[in-house]
Amino acid sequence: KLEHGETALDDSIALYERGAELKKRCEAKLKEAEEKVAKITLDRDGQPSGTAPIDEL
């Protein structure tokens, strides 16, 4: 809608703000997932053996 210019200015601003909030929320979820992946522990052979408690972040 925004790219095609089919939306009124007020609606465009509201859509942009909504997109910015969604982006922020998605980035937070991605960071959380990356931290969990980083906490995966490896055994002596370098194989995944579980995860460390999230409290240790």
C-alpha atoms as a PDB file:
ATOM      1  CA  LYS A   1       0.000   0.000   0.000  1.00  0.00           C
ATOM      2  CA  LEU A   2       2.709   2.459   0.976  1.00  0.00           C
ATOM      3  CA  GLU A   3       4.867   1.749  -2.061  1.00  0.00           C
ATOM      4  CA  HIS A   4       2.000   2.247  -4.508  1.00  0.00           C
ATOM      5  CA  GLY A   5       0.809   5.535  -3.004  1.00  0.00           C
ATOM      6  CA  GLU A   6      -2.711   4.187  -2.502  1.00  0.00           C
ATOM      7  CA  THR A   7      -2.970   5.300   1.119  1.00  0.00           C
ATOM      8  CA  ALA A   8      -3.806   8.640   2.712  1.00  0.00           C
ATOM      9  CA  LEU A   9      -0.988  10.384   4.567  1.00  0.00           C
ATOM     10  CA  ASP A  10      -2.417   9.691   8.042  1.00  0.00           C
ATOM     11  CA  ASP A  11      -2.931   6.027   7.189  1.00  0.00           C
ATOM     12  CA  SER A  12       0.570   5.837   5.714  1.00  0.00           C
ATOM     13  CA  ILE A  13       2.056   7.186   8.925  1.00  0.00           C
ATOM     14  CA  ALA A  14       0.059   4.694  11.002  1.00  0.00           C
ATOM     15  CA  LEU A  15       1.181   1.813   8.761  1.00  0.00           C
ATOM     16  CA  TYR A  16       4.796   2.946   8.980  1.00  0.00           C
ATOM     17  CA  GLU A  17       4.618   3.152  12.789  1.00  0.00           C
ATOM     18  CA  ARG A  18       3.074  -0.331  12.926  1.00  0.00           C
ATOM     19  CA  GLY A  19       5.852  -1.673  10.724  1.00  0.00           C
ATOM     20  CA  ALA A  20       8.501  -0.076  12.927  1.00  0.00           C
ATOM     21  CA  GLU A  21       6.987  -1.687  16.040  1.00  0.00           C
ATOM     22  CA  LEU A  22       6.809  -5.092  14.348  1.00  0.00           C
ATOM     23  CA  LYS A  23      10.444  -4.762  13.258  1.00  0.00           C
ATOM     24  CA  LYS A  24      11.483  -3.928  16.810  1.00  0.00           C
ATOM     25  CA  ARG A  25       9.590  -6.927  18.215  1.00  0.00           C
ATOM     26  CA  CYS A  26      11.026  -9.278  15.588  1.00  0.00           C
ATOM     27  CA  GLU A  27      14.563  -8.077  16.282  1.00  0.00           C
ATOM     28  CA  ALA A  28      14.075  -8.743  20.011  1.00  0.00           C
ATOM     29  CA  LYS A  29      12.774 -12.263  19.308  1.00  0.00           C
ATOM     30  CA  LEU A  30      15.696 -12.941  16.973  1.00  0.00           C
ATOM     31  CA  LYS A  31      18.207 -11.752  19.584  1.00  0.00           C
ATOM     32  CA  GLU A  32      16.577 -14.008  22.177  1.00  0.00           C
ATOM     33  CA  ALA A  33      16.790 -16.996  19.826  1.00  0.00           C
ATOM     34  CA  GLU A  34      20.427 -16.236  18.982  1.00  0.00           C
ATOM     35  CA  GLU A  35      21.292 -16.141  22.687  1.00  0.00           C
ATOM     36  CA  LYS A  36      19.650 -19.531  23.225  1.00  0.00           C
ATOM     37  CA  VAL A  37      21.559 -21.031  20.310  1.00  0.00           C
ATOM     38  CA  ALA A  38      24.805 -19.571  21.658  1.00  0.00           C
ATOM     39  CA  LYS A  39      24.188 -21.364  24.966  1.00  0.00           C
ATOM     40  CA  ILE A  40      24.064 -24.838  23.415  1.00  0.00           C
ATOM     41  CA  THR A  41      26.763 -26.886  25.115  1.00  0.00           C
ATOM     42  CA  LEU A  42      29.101 -29.292  23.371  1.00  0.00           C
ATOM     43  CA  ASP A  43      30.526 -32.573  24.668  1.00  0.00           C
ATOM     44  CA  ARG A  44      34.193 -33.611  24.396  1.00  0.00           C
ATOM     45  CA  ASP A  45      33.674 -34.682  20.780  1.00  0.00           C
ATOM     46  CA  GLY A  46      32.190 -31.326  19.838  1.00  0.00           C
ATOM     47  CA  GLN A  47      28.664 -32.695  19.582  1.00  0.00           C
ATOM     48  CA  PRO A  48      25.691 -30.789  21.018  1.00  0.00           C
ATOM     49  CA  SER A  49      24.753 -32.238  24.382  1.00  0.00           C
ATOM     50  CA  GLY A  50      22.060 -29.888  25.622  1.00  0.00           C
ATOM     51  CA  THR A  51      21.711 -26.311  26.656  1.00  0.00           C
ATOM     52  CA  ALA A  52      22.908 -24.309  29.599  1.00  0.00           C
ATOM     53  CA  PRO A  53      20.261 -22.639  31.746  1.00  0.00           C
ATOM     54  CA  ILE A  54      19.115 -19.335  30.299  1.00  0.00           C
ATOM     55  CA  ASP A  55      19.765 -17.730  33.729  1.00  0.00           C
ATOM     56  CA  GLU A  56      23.491 -17.782  32.957  1.00  0.00           C
ATOM     57  CA  LEU A  57      23.140 -15.206  30.166  1.00  0.00           C
END
